[in-house]
Amino acid sequence: MSSTPPAEERTLAFLHAHGITTGGEGLAEMLQEAVGRLHATLYPSDPTADLPADEVAALRRGGFDLVAREGGRGDALDVTAAEYGALLATSVTTKQAAQRLGVAPSRVRQRLTEDPASLYGVRFRNGWRLPEFQFLTDGTVPGFGKVMRRLDTELHPVAVQRWFTLPHTDLVPVGSDDSMSPRDWLRLGYPVEVVVELAGRL
C-alpha cells in the first residue's frame, strides 16, 4: 500500500501529465528555492512607503485610497511561488541544454556566465537550471541570445517568463489584429530588433 498521501499522489499525477517529472524531494527543494528567492518588497502592503510626503498628501486630497493592506498579498506570493516552482521544475540542466544545442556543457556554462549572457539560467543549489521558454526542440528560439543581452539581470525569473511568453501590445504583425508574445514573434521569423528594443525597456 502506498505511503504517499492521496493529495500528494494527485498532485504528482497532475504534474507528470503536464510533463513535469520532478517529484518528491526534488520538487520540494525547488519549491523551497522558489519561495526563498521571493522578495516581500515585490508586494508592498503600504502604497505610501516609497512616496514623498507631499505626493501622498496630494493623492489623498484627490480622493485616492492609500490605506495599507495585507489582504491579497498572500495570494500574489502564492501565485508567483507556484509559477517559479513550475519554471524550475520544467527547466533543463546544463547537460540537457548542451545535448539540445549540440555543444559541450562547458559551452553552455560559458554562455550563462559571459557578460552579457546569451542564455538564460537560474543558479540552483547544485548547478544551473535553464527555463524551457528559450528553447525549441533543436536549439534556442531564433535571436534569443540578442534579446538576452538586453534584459536586466535583476529581473525576477517569473517576470522574464511572463514577458517572453505573453502577448505584447507592440508586437502585432502587419495585416493582423492580434498581438504576439516575444517568443512567438521570434519563433515565426519576425525582426529580432523589435524584441531587442522592447527588452531594453524592461
N, C-alpha and C. Protein backbone atom coordinates (compact mmCIF):
# COMPACT_ATOMS: atom_id res chain seq x y z
N MET A 1 0.84 -1.19 0.00
CA MET A 1 0.00 0.00 0.00
C MET A 1 0.88 1.24 0.00
N SER A 2 0.52 2.23 -0.82
CA SER A 2 1.34 3.43 -0.96
C SER A 2 1.33 4.25 0.32
N SER A 3 2.52 4.77 0.71
CA SER A 3 2.63 5.64 1.88
C SER A 3 2.47 7.10 1.52
N THR A 4 2.33 7.39 0.22
CA THR A 4 2.16 8.77 -0.23
C THR A 4 0.72 9.21 -0.01
N PRO A 5 0.51 10.37 0.66
CA PRO A 5 -0.85 10.86 0.89
C PRO A 5 -1.59 11.03 -0.43
N PRO A 6 -2.92 10.77 -0.45
CA PRO A 6 -3.70 10.88 -1.69
C PRO A 6 -3.57 12.23 -2.37
N ALA A 7 -3.56 13.33 -1.59
CA ALA A 7 -3.46 14.66 -2.19
C ALA A 7 -2.14 14.83 -2.92
N GLU A 8 -1.06 14.30 -2.33
CA GLU A 8 0.26 14.40 -2.96
C GLU A 8 0.31 13.54 -4.21
N GLU A 9 -0.32 12.36 -4.15
CA GLU A 9 -0.37 11.49 -5.33
C GLU A 9 -1.09 12.19 -6.48
N ARG A 10 -2.19 12.86 -6.16
CA ARG A 10 -2.93 13.58 -7.21
C ARG A 10 -2.09 14.70 -7.80
N THR A 11 -1.36 15.40 -6.93
CA THR A 11 -0.51 16.49 -7.40
C THR A 11 0.58 15.97 -8.32
N LEU A 12 1.24 14.88 -7.92
CA LEU A 12 2.31 14.32 -8.74
C LEU A 12 1.76 13.79 -10.07
N ALA A 13 0.58 13.18 -10.02
CA ALA A 13 -0.03 12.69 -11.25
C ALA A 13 -0.35 13.83 -12.20
N PHE A 14 -0.86 14.93 -11.64
CA PHE A 14 -1.16 16.10 -12.45
C PHE A 14 0.11 16.67 -13.08
N LEU A 15 1.17 16.80 -12.27
CA LEU A 15 2.43 17.34 -12.78
C LEU A 15 3.01 16.44 -13.86
N HIS A 16 2.99 15.14 -13.64
CA HIS A 16 3.52 14.20 -14.64
C HIS A 16 2.73 14.26 -15.94
N ALA A 17 1.41 14.46 -15.83
CA ALA A 17 0.58 14.56 -17.03
C ALA A 17 0.91 15.80 -17.84
N HIS A 18 1.51 16.80 -17.19
CA HIS A 18 1.88 18.03 -17.88
C HIS A 18 3.38 18.12 -18.12
N GLY A 19 4.05 16.98 -18.08
CA GLY A 19 5.46 16.93 -18.47
C GLY A 19 6.44 17.27 -17.37
N ILE A 20 5.98 17.43 -16.12
CA ILE A 20 6.88 17.74 -15.02
C ILE A 20 7.16 16.45 -14.28
N THR A 21 8.33 15.88 -14.51
CA THR A 21 8.64 14.57 -13.94
C THR A 21 9.33 14.65 -12.59
N THR A 22 9.77 15.85 -12.21
CA THR A 22 10.38 16.01 -10.90
C THR A 22 9.33 15.80 -9.82
N GLY A 23 9.67 15.06 -8.79
CA GLY A 23 8.71 14.84 -7.72
C GLY A 23 9.40 14.64 -6.40
N GLY A 24 8.62 14.42 -5.36
CA GLY A 24 9.17 14.13 -4.05
C GLY A 24 10.09 15.20 -3.55
N GLU A 25 11.29 14.79 -3.09
CA GLU A 25 12.23 15.73 -2.51
C GLU A 25 12.71 16.77 -3.52
N GLY A 26 12.86 16.34 -4.77
CA GLY A 26 13.32 17.28 -5.79
C GLY A 26 12.37 18.43 -5.99
N LEU A 27 11.06 18.10 -6.04
CA LEU A 27 10.06 19.14 -6.21
C LEU A 27 9.99 20.02 -4.98
N ALA A 28 10.07 19.42 -3.79
CA ALA A 28 10.04 20.19 -2.56
C ALA A 28 11.22 21.15 -2.48
N GLU A 29 12.39 20.68 -2.93
CA GLU A 29 13.59 21.53 -2.91
C GLU A 29 13.42 22.72 -3.84
N MET A 30 12.83 22.48 -5.02
CA MET A 30 12.61 23.57 -5.96
C MET A 30 11.61 24.58 -5.41
N LEU A 31 10.57 24.08 -4.73
CA LEU A 31 9.59 24.99 -4.17
C LEU A 31 10.21 25.83 -3.06
N GLN A 32 11.06 25.21 -2.25
CA GLN A 32 11.76 25.96 -1.21
C GLN A 32 12.64 27.04 -1.82
N GLU A 33 13.31 26.67 -2.90
CA GLU A 33 14.16 27.64 -3.61
C GLU A 33 13.32 28.79 -4.13
N ALA A 34 12.16 28.47 -4.69
CA ALA A 34 11.28 29.49 -5.25
C ALA A 34 10.82 30.46 -4.18
N VAL A 35 10.33 29.92 -3.08
CA VAL A 35 9.82 30.78 -2.01
C VAL A 35 10.95 31.58 -1.38
N GLY A 36 12.11 30.95 -1.23
CA GLY A 36 13.24 31.62 -0.61
C GLY A 36 13.74 32.81 -1.40
N ARG A 37 13.53 32.78 -2.71
CA ARG A 37 14.03 33.88 -3.55
C ARG A 37 13.02 34.99 -3.76
N LEU A 38 11.79 34.77 -3.32
CA LEU A 38 10.79 35.82 -3.47
C LEU A 38 11.09 36.94 -2.48
N HIS A 39 10.92 38.16 -2.92
CA HIS A 39 11.17 39.31 -2.06
C HIS A 39 9.85 39.93 -1.65
N ALA A 40 9.64 40.06 -0.37
CA ALA A 40 8.40 40.66 0.11
C ALA A 40 8.22 42.07 -0.43
N THR A 41 9.33 42.74 -0.77
CA THR A 41 9.23 44.09 -1.28
C THR A 41 8.56 44.15 -2.66
N LEU A 42 8.42 42.99 -3.32
CA LEU A 42 7.72 42.97 -4.60
C LEU A 42 6.23 43.19 -4.40
N TYR A 43 5.78 42.99 -3.18
CA TYR A 43 4.35 43.08 -2.89
C TYR A 43 4.13 43.98 -1.69
N PRO A 44 4.43 45.28 -1.81
CA PRO A 44 4.33 46.18 -0.66
C PRO A 44 2.88 46.31 -0.19
N SER A 45 2.69 46.20 1.12
CA SER A 45 1.35 46.35 1.67
C SER A 45 0.99 47.80 1.87
N ASP A 46 2.00 48.67 1.97
CA ASP A 46 1.75 50.09 2.20
C ASP A 46 2.05 50.87 0.92
N PRO A 47 1.02 51.40 0.22
CA PRO A 47 1.25 52.09 -1.05
C PRO A 47 1.96 53.43 -0.90
N THR A 48 2.11 53.93 0.34
CA THR A 48 2.77 55.21 0.54
C THR A 48 4.24 55.06 0.88
N ALA A 49 4.72 53.85 1.01
CA ALA A 49 6.07 53.60 1.54
C ALA A 49 7.16 54.28 0.72
N ASP A 50 7.02 54.32 -0.59
CA ASP A 50 8.08 54.86 -1.44
C ASP A 50 7.76 56.24 -2.01
N LEU A 51 6.74 56.90 -1.46
CA LEU A 51 6.32 58.20 -1.99
C LEU A 51 6.70 59.33 -1.04
N PRO A 52 7.11 60.49 -1.59
CA PRO A 52 7.37 61.66 -0.75
C PRO A 52 6.08 62.09 -0.06
N ALA A 53 6.20 62.76 1.08
CA ALA A 53 5.04 63.15 1.87
C ALA A 53 4.10 64.07 1.10
N ASP A 54 4.65 65.00 0.28
CA ASP A 54 3.80 65.93 -0.45
C ASP A 54 2.97 65.21 -1.52
N GLU A 55 3.54 64.14 -2.13
CA GLU A 55 2.79 63.38 -3.12
C GLU A 55 1.69 62.57 -2.45
N VAL A 56 1.99 62.02 -1.28
CA VAL A 56 0.97 61.27 -0.53
C VAL A 56 -0.19 62.19 -0.20
N ALA A 57 0.13 63.41 0.28
CA ALA A 57 -0.92 64.36 0.64
C ALA A 57 -1.75 64.75 -0.58
N ALA A 58 -1.10 64.94 -1.73
CA ALA A 58 -1.81 65.31 -2.95
C ALA A 58 -2.73 64.20 -3.42
N LEU A 59 -2.27 62.96 -3.33
CA LEU A 59 -3.11 61.83 -3.73
C LEU A 59 -4.32 61.69 -2.82
N ARG A 60 -4.11 61.89 -1.53
CA ARG A 60 -5.23 61.79 -0.60
C ARG A 60 -6.25 62.90 -0.85
N ARG A 61 -5.76 64.10 -1.16
CA ARG A 61 -6.69 65.20 -1.48
C ARG A 61 -7.49 64.88 -2.74
N GLY A 62 -6.86 64.11 -3.63
CA GLY A 62 -7.54 63.73 -4.86
C GLY A 62 -8.51 62.58 -4.70
N GLY A 63 -8.62 62.06 -3.49
CA GLY A 63 -9.60 61.01 -3.23
C GLY A 63 -9.07 59.59 -3.35
N PHE A 64 -7.75 59.43 -3.52
CA PHE A 64 -7.18 58.08 -3.64
C PHE A 64 -7.11 57.39 -2.27
N ASP A 65 -7.46 56.11 -2.26
CA ASP A 65 -7.42 55.32 -1.04
C ASP A 65 -6.02 54.76 -0.87
N LEU A 66 -5.31 55.27 0.13
CA LEU A 66 -3.92 54.86 0.35
C LEU A 66 -3.76 54.09 1.66
N VAL A 67 -4.82 53.45 2.11
CA VAL A 67 -4.76 52.68 3.35
C VAL A 67 -3.91 51.43 3.13
N ALA A 68 -2.99 51.19 4.06
CA ALA A 68 -2.14 49.99 3.97
C ALA A 68 -2.98 48.74 4.15
N ARG A 69 -2.71 47.74 3.32
CA ARG A 69 -3.48 46.50 3.37
C ARG A 69 -2.55 45.29 3.31
N GLU A 70 -2.98 44.23 3.95
CA GLU A 70 -2.29 42.95 3.84
C GLU A 70 -3.06 42.00 2.94
N GLY A 71 -4.35 42.24 2.80
CA GLY A 71 -5.19 41.34 2.02
C GLY A 71 -4.74 41.20 0.59
N GLY A 72 -4.68 39.97 0.09
CA GLY A 72 -4.32 39.72 -1.30
C GLY A 72 -2.84 39.48 -1.50
N ARG A 73 -2.03 39.97 -0.56
CA ARG A 73 -0.59 39.81 -0.72
C ARG A 73 -0.19 38.34 -0.71
N GLY A 74 -0.83 37.59 0.20
CA GLY A 74 -0.52 36.16 0.25
C GLY A 74 -0.87 35.46 -1.04
N ASP A 75 -2.01 35.82 -1.64
CA ASP A 75 -2.40 35.21 -2.90
C ASP A 75 -1.37 35.49 -3.99
N ALA A 76 -0.91 36.74 -4.04
CA ALA A 76 0.08 37.12 -5.06
C ALA A 76 1.37 36.35 -4.86
N LEU A 77 1.79 36.22 -3.62
CA LEU A 77 3.01 35.45 -3.33
C LEU A 77 2.82 33.98 -3.68
N ASP A 78 1.64 33.45 -3.36
CA ASP A 78 1.36 32.05 -3.68
C ASP A 78 1.46 31.80 -5.18
N VAL A 79 0.85 32.68 -5.96
CA VAL A 79 0.84 32.51 -7.41
C VAL A 79 2.26 32.60 -7.97
N THR A 80 3.02 33.60 -7.50
CA THR A 80 4.37 33.77 -8.01
C THR A 80 5.26 32.60 -7.60
N ALA A 81 5.11 32.14 -6.36
CA ALA A 81 5.90 30.99 -5.90
C ALA A 81 5.57 29.75 -6.72
N ALA A 82 4.28 29.56 -7.00
CA ALA A 82 3.87 28.40 -7.80
C ALA A 82 4.43 28.49 -9.21
N GLU A 83 4.37 29.68 -9.81
CA GLU A 83 4.91 29.86 -11.16
C GLU A 83 6.42 29.62 -11.17
N TYR A 84 7.09 30.12 -10.15
CA TYR A 84 8.54 29.96 -10.09
C TYR A 84 8.91 28.50 -9.87
N GLY A 85 8.15 27.83 -9.01
CA GLY A 85 8.40 26.41 -8.79
C GLY A 85 8.22 25.60 -10.06
N ALA A 86 7.15 25.92 -10.82
CA ALA A 86 6.90 25.23 -12.08
C ALA A 86 7.99 25.54 -13.10
N LEU A 87 8.44 26.80 -13.11
CA LEU A 87 9.51 27.19 -14.04
C LEU A 87 10.77 26.36 -13.77
N LEU A 88 11.12 26.22 -12.49
CA LEU A 88 12.31 25.44 -12.14
C LEU A 88 12.12 23.97 -12.46
N ALA A 89 10.92 23.44 -12.17
CA ALA A 89 10.67 22.02 -12.37
C ALA A 89 10.69 21.63 -13.84
N THR A 90 10.33 22.55 -14.72
CA THR A 90 10.31 22.25 -16.15
C THR A 90 11.59 22.70 -16.86
N SER A 91 12.50 23.31 -16.12
CA SER A 91 13.76 23.75 -16.71
C SER A 91 14.69 22.56 -16.94
N VAL A 92 15.72 22.79 -17.73
CA VAL A 92 16.69 21.72 -18.03
C VAL A 92 18.01 22.02 -17.36
N THR A 93 18.79 20.97 -17.15
CA THR A 93 20.12 21.14 -16.57
C THR A 93 21.10 21.60 -17.65
N THR A 94 22.29 21.95 -17.21
CA THR A 94 23.33 22.35 -18.16
C THR A 94 23.63 21.23 -19.15
N LYS A 95 23.70 20.00 -18.65
CA LYS A 95 23.97 18.85 -19.52
C LYS A 95 22.85 18.64 -20.53
N GLN A 96 21.59 18.76 -20.09
CA GLN A 96 20.46 18.59 -21.00
C GLN A 96 20.43 19.69 -22.05
N ALA A 97 20.75 20.91 -21.64
CA ALA A 97 20.79 22.02 -22.60
C ALA A 97 21.89 21.81 -23.62
N ALA A 98 23.03 21.30 -23.16
CA ALA A 98 24.15 21.04 -24.08
C ALA A 98 23.77 20.01 -25.13
N GLN A 99 23.06 18.98 -24.71
CA GLN A 99 22.61 17.95 -25.66
C GLN A 99 21.65 18.54 -26.67
N ARG A 100 20.77 19.41 -26.22
CA ARG A 100 19.80 20.01 -27.14
C ARG A 100 20.47 20.96 -28.12
N LEU A 101 21.50 21.64 -27.66
CA LEU A 101 22.18 22.61 -28.52
C LEU A 101 23.32 22.00 -29.33
N GLY A 102 23.68 20.77 -29.01
CA GLY A 102 24.77 20.12 -29.72
C GLY A 102 26.13 20.69 -29.40
N VAL A 103 26.32 21.10 -28.14
CA VAL A 103 27.60 21.65 -27.72
C VAL A 103 28.01 20.96 -26.41
N ALA A 104 29.20 21.27 -25.94
CA ALA A 104 29.67 20.72 -24.67
C ALA A 104 29.04 21.50 -23.52
N PRO A 105 28.83 20.85 -22.36
CA PRO A 105 28.29 21.55 -21.20
C PRO A 105 29.10 22.79 -20.82
N SER A 106 30.40 22.75 -21.04
CA SER A 106 31.24 23.91 -20.71
C SER A 106 30.84 25.13 -21.54
N ARG A 107 30.41 24.89 -22.79
CA ARG A 107 29.98 26.00 -23.64
C ARG A 107 28.68 26.60 -23.13
N VAL A 108 27.78 25.76 -22.62
CA VAL A 108 26.54 26.26 -22.04
C VAL A 108 26.85 27.12 -20.82
N ARG A 109 27.73 26.64 -19.94
CA ARG A 109 28.10 27.41 -18.76
C ARG A 109 28.76 28.73 -19.15
N GLN A 110 29.55 28.70 -20.22
CA GLN A 110 30.19 29.92 -20.69
C GLN A 110 29.15 30.93 -21.14
N ARG A 111 28.12 30.47 -21.86
CA ARG A 111 27.08 31.37 -22.34
C ARG A 111 26.20 31.91 -21.20
N LEU A 112 26.13 31.15 -20.12
CA LEU A 112 25.37 31.60 -18.96
C LEU A 112 26.10 32.65 -18.14
N THR A 113 27.43 32.58 -18.15
CA THR A 113 28.22 33.44 -17.26
C THR A 113 28.94 34.57 -17.98
N GLU A 114 28.95 34.54 -19.32
CA GLU A 114 29.62 35.64 -20.02
C GLU A 114 28.84 36.93 -19.78
N ASP A 115 29.49 38.06 -20.00
CA ASP A 115 28.87 39.37 -19.75
C ASP A 115 28.86 40.20 -21.03
N PRO A 116 27.65 40.35 -21.64
CA PRO A 116 26.35 39.87 -21.17
C PRO A 116 26.12 38.41 -21.56
N ALA A 117 25.25 37.74 -20.81
CA ALA A 117 24.94 36.34 -21.08
C ALA A 117 24.09 36.20 -22.33
N SER A 118 24.18 35.03 -22.99
CA SER A 118 23.36 34.80 -24.18
C SER A 118 22.40 33.62 -23.99
N LEU A 119 22.42 33.02 -22.80
CA LEU A 119 21.42 32.03 -22.41
C LEU A 119 20.87 32.47 -21.06
N TYR A 120 19.62 32.09 -20.79
CA TYR A 120 19.01 32.49 -19.52
C TYR A 120 18.98 31.32 -18.56
N GLY A 121 19.53 31.52 -17.38
CA GLY A 121 19.55 30.45 -16.40
C GLY A 121 19.36 30.96 -14.99
N VAL A 122 18.93 30.05 -14.13
CA VAL A 122 18.79 30.33 -12.71
C VAL A 122 19.80 29.45 -11.99
N ARG A 123 20.66 30.07 -11.22
CA ARG A 123 21.67 29.30 -10.50
C ARG A 123 21.00 28.59 -9.34
N PHE A 124 21.04 27.27 -9.36
CA PHE A 124 20.38 26.46 -8.34
C PHE A 124 21.43 25.91 -7.40
N ARG A 125 20.99 25.21 -6.36
CA ARG A 125 21.93 24.73 -5.34
C ARG A 125 22.98 23.80 -5.91
N ASN A 126 22.59 22.99 -6.87
CA ASN A 126 23.54 22.02 -7.42
C ASN A 126 23.86 22.29 -8.89
N GLY A 127 23.74 23.54 -9.30
CA GLY A 127 24.05 23.88 -10.69
C GLY A 127 23.06 24.86 -11.27
N TRP A 128 23.01 24.91 -12.57
CA TRP A 128 22.11 25.82 -13.28
C TRP A 128 20.84 25.11 -13.71
N ARG A 129 19.74 25.87 -13.78
CA ARG A 129 18.51 25.42 -14.41
C ARG A 129 18.19 26.42 -15.51
N LEU A 130 17.94 25.91 -16.73
CA LEU A 130 17.66 26.77 -17.87
C LEU A 130 16.20 26.61 -18.27
N PRO A 131 15.40 27.68 -18.12
CA PRO A 131 13.97 27.60 -18.43
C PRO A 131 13.70 27.23 -19.88
N GLU A 132 12.63 26.48 -20.07
CA GLU A 132 12.26 25.96 -21.38
C GLU A 132 11.87 27.05 -22.37
N PHE A 133 11.41 28.21 -21.89
CA PHE A 133 10.87 29.19 -22.82
C PHE A 133 11.87 29.68 -23.86
N GLN A 134 13.16 29.49 -23.61
CA GLN A 134 14.17 29.97 -24.56
C GLN A 134 14.54 28.93 -25.63
N PHE A 135 14.00 27.73 -25.49
CA PHE A 135 14.39 26.63 -26.38
C PHE A 135 13.29 26.23 -27.36
N LEU A 136 13.74 25.73 -28.51
CA LEU A 136 12.91 24.96 -29.42
C LEU A 136 13.41 23.52 -29.32
N THR A 137 12.84 22.62 -30.08
CA THR A 137 13.27 21.22 -29.97
C THR A 137 14.71 21.02 -30.42
N ASP A 138 15.20 21.87 -31.31
CA ASP A 138 16.54 21.67 -31.86
C ASP A 138 17.45 22.88 -31.68
N GLY A 139 17.23 23.66 -30.66
CA GLY A 139 18.08 24.82 -30.42
C GLY A 139 17.34 25.88 -29.62
N THR A 140 17.88 27.10 -29.64
CA THR A 140 17.21 28.19 -28.95
C THR A 140 16.26 28.89 -29.91
N VAL A 141 15.35 29.66 -29.33
CA VAL A 141 14.47 30.49 -30.14
C VAL A 141 15.33 31.45 -30.95
N PRO A 142 15.07 31.62 -32.26
CA PRO A 142 15.90 32.50 -33.09
C PRO A 142 16.05 33.90 -32.48
N GLY A 143 17.28 34.35 -32.39
CA GLY A 143 17.54 35.69 -31.88
C GLY A 143 17.51 35.82 -30.38
N PHE A 144 17.31 34.71 -29.66
CA PHE A 144 17.18 34.82 -28.21
C PHE A 144 18.44 35.39 -27.56
N GLY A 145 19.60 35.00 -28.06
CA GLY A 145 20.83 35.50 -27.49
C GLY A 145 20.92 37.01 -27.52
N LYS A 146 20.48 37.63 -28.62
CA LYS A 146 20.50 39.09 -28.74
C LYS A 146 19.53 39.73 -27.75
N VAL A 147 18.38 39.10 -27.60
CA VAL A 147 17.39 39.62 -26.65
C VAL A 147 17.92 39.50 -25.23
N MET A 148 18.50 38.36 -24.93
CA MET A 148 19.02 38.10 -23.60
C MET A 148 20.06 39.14 -23.19
N ARG A 149 20.86 39.57 -24.13
CA ARG A 149 21.92 40.53 -23.82
C ARG A 149 21.37 41.89 -23.42
N ARG A 150 20.09 42.14 -23.71
CA ARG A 150 19.48 43.43 -23.36
C ARG A 150 18.62 43.36 -22.10
N LEU A 151 18.35 42.17 -21.62
CA LEU A 151 17.49 42.03 -20.44
C LEU A 151 18.22 42.46 -19.17
N ASP A 152 17.50 43.11 -18.30
CA ASP A 152 18.02 43.49 -16.99
C ASP A 152 18.24 42.24 -16.17
N THR A 153 19.45 42.00 -15.71
CA THR A 153 19.76 40.79 -14.97
C THR A 153 19.10 40.75 -13.59
N GLU A 154 18.55 41.88 -13.13
CA GLU A 154 17.90 41.92 -11.83
C GLU A 154 16.43 41.50 -11.90
N LEU A 155 15.91 41.28 -13.11
CA LEU A 155 14.51 40.88 -13.24
C LEU A 155 14.29 39.50 -12.64
N HIS A 156 13.16 39.32 -11.98
CA HIS A 156 12.83 38.02 -11.41
C HIS A 156 12.53 37.04 -12.55
N PRO A 157 12.93 35.77 -12.42
CA PRO A 157 12.68 34.79 -13.49
C PRO A 157 11.22 34.70 -13.91
N VAL A 158 10.29 34.84 -12.96
CA VAL A 158 8.87 34.78 -13.33
C VAL A 158 8.51 35.97 -14.21
N ALA A 159 9.07 37.14 -13.91
CA ALA A 159 8.80 38.33 -14.73
C ALA A 159 9.35 38.13 -16.14
N VAL A 160 10.53 37.53 -16.25
CA VAL A 160 11.12 37.28 -17.57
C VAL A 160 10.25 36.31 -18.36
N GLN A 161 9.83 35.24 -17.71
CA GLN A 161 8.99 34.25 -18.40
C GLN A 161 7.67 34.85 -18.86
N ARG A 162 7.03 35.62 -18.00
CA ARG A 162 5.76 36.24 -18.37
C ARG A 162 5.94 37.18 -19.56
N TRP A 163 6.99 38.01 -19.49
CA TRP A 163 7.21 38.96 -20.58
C TRP A 163 7.47 38.24 -21.90
N PHE A 164 8.24 37.17 -21.84
CA PHE A 164 8.65 36.49 -23.06
C PHE A 164 7.55 35.63 -23.67
N THR A 165 6.60 35.18 -22.86
CA THR A 165 5.61 34.21 -23.35
C THR A 165 4.19 34.76 -23.45
N LEU A 166 3.94 35.95 -22.94
CA LEU A 166 2.60 36.53 -23.03
C LEU A 166 2.53 37.56 -24.16
N PRO A 167 1.35 37.74 -24.77
CA PRO A 167 1.21 38.71 -25.87
C PRO A 167 1.64 40.11 -25.44
N HIS A 168 2.31 40.80 -26.35
CA HIS A 168 2.78 42.17 -26.10
C HIS A 168 2.09 43.11 -27.08
N THR A 169 1.57 44.21 -26.58
CA THR A 169 0.78 45.13 -27.41
C THR A 169 1.58 45.73 -28.56
N ASP A 170 2.90 45.77 -28.45
CA ASP A 170 3.73 46.34 -29.51
C ASP A 170 4.14 45.32 -30.57
N LEU A 171 3.72 44.08 -30.40
CA LEU A 171 4.09 43.04 -31.36
C LEU A 171 2.86 42.55 -32.11
N VAL A 172 2.48 43.32 -33.11
CA VAL A 172 1.32 42.99 -33.94
C VAL A 172 1.78 42.91 -35.40
N PRO A 173 1.78 41.73 -35.99
CA PRO A 173 2.23 41.60 -37.38
C PRO A 173 1.35 42.41 -38.33
N VAL A 174 1.94 42.85 -39.43
CA VAL A 174 1.20 43.57 -40.45
C VAL A 174 0.07 42.70 -40.98
N GLY A 175 -1.12 43.28 -41.04
CA GLY A 175 -2.27 42.53 -41.53
C GLY A 175 -3.00 41.74 -40.49
N SER A 176 -2.56 41.86 -39.24
CA SER A 176 -3.20 41.12 -38.15
C SER A 176 -3.69 42.08 -37.10
N ASP A 177 -4.72 41.69 -36.37
CA ASP A 177 -5.23 42.48 -35.26
C ASP A 177 -4.80 41.90 -33.91
N ASP A 178 -4.11 40.79 -33.94
CA ASP A 178 -3.75 40.10 -32.71
C ASP A 178 -2.28 40.31 -32.36
N SER A 179 -2.03 40.64 -31.10
CA SER A 179 -0.65 40.80 -30.65
C SER A 179 -0.04 39.43 -30.38
N MET A 180 1.28 39.38 -30.40
CA MET A 180 2.01 38.13 -30.22
C MET A 180 2.95 38.26 -29.04
N SER A 181 3.35 37.14 -28.50
CA SER A 181 4.38 37.14 -27.46
C SER A 181 5.74 37.32 -28.13
N PRO A 182 6.73 37.87 -27.40
CA PRO A 182 8.08 37.94 -27.96
C PRO A 182 8.59 36.59 -28.45
N ARG A 183 8.27 35.52 -27.71
CA ARG A 183 8.72 34.20 -28.11
C ARG A 183 8.14 33.80 -29.46
N ASP A 184 6.84 33.97 -29.64
CA ASP A 184 6.21 33.59 -30.91
C ASP A 184 6.67 34.49 -32.04
N TRP A 185 6.87 35.78 -31.74
CA TRP A 185 7.36 36.73 -32.75
C TRP A 185 8.70 36.25 -33.31
N LEU A 186 9.61 35.87 -32.42
CA LEU A 186 10.92 35.40 -32.86
C LEU A 186 10.83 34.03 -33.52
N ARG A 187 10.02 33.17 -32.95
CA ARG A 187 9.89 31.81 -33.48
C ARG A 187 9.39 31.81 -34.91
N LEU A 188 8.53 32.79 -35.25
CA LEU A 188 7.96 32.85 -36.59
C LEU A 188 8.77 33.69 -37.56
N GLY A 189 9.93 34.18 -37.10
CA GLY A 189 10.85 34.84 -38.00
C GLY A 189 10.66 36.32 -38.21
N TYR A 190 9.90 36.99 -37.35
CA TYR A 190 9.76 38.44 -37.46
C TYR A 190 11.04 39.12 -36.95
N PRO A 191 11.23 40.41 -37.26
CA PRO A 191 12.50 41.08 -36.95
C PRO A 191 12.91 41.00 -35.47
N VAL A 192 14.12 40.53 -35.25
CA VAL A 192 14.64 40.38 -33.89
C VAL A 192 14.79 41.74 -33.22
N GLU A 193 15.18 42.76 -34.01
CA GLU A 193 15.48 44.06 -33.44
C GLU A 193 14.31 44.65 -32.67
N VAL A 194 13.10 44.34 -33.09
CA VAL A 194 11.89 44.87 -32.41
C VAL A 194 11.85 44.34 -30.98
N VAL A 195 12.10 43.06 -30.81
CA VAL A 195 12.05 42.45 -29.49
C VAL A 195 13.25 42.90 -28.66
N VAL A 196 14.40 43.05 -29.29
CA VAL A 196 15.59 43.53 -28.58
C VAL A 196 15.33 44.90 -27.98
N GLU A 197 14.67 45.78 -28.75
CA GLU A 197 14.34 47.11 -28.26
C GLU A 197 13.39 47.04 -27.06
N LEU A 198 12.38 46.19 -27.17
CA LEU A 198 11.43 46.04 -26.06
C LEU A 198 12.12 45.49 -24.81
N ALA A 199 13.05 44.57 -25.01
CA ALA A 199 13.77 44.00 -23.87
C ALA A 199 14.58 45.08 -23.14
N GLY A 200 15.10 46.02 -23.89
CA GLY A 200 15.89 47.08 -23.29
C GLY A 200 15.07 48.04 -22.46
N ARG A 201 13.76 48.03 -22.62
CA ARG A 201 12.88 48.93 -21.86
C ARG A 201 12.44 48.34 -20.52
N LEU A 202 12.66 47.05 -20.33
CA LEU A 202 12.18 46.41 -19.10
C LEU A 202 12.95 46.87 -17.88
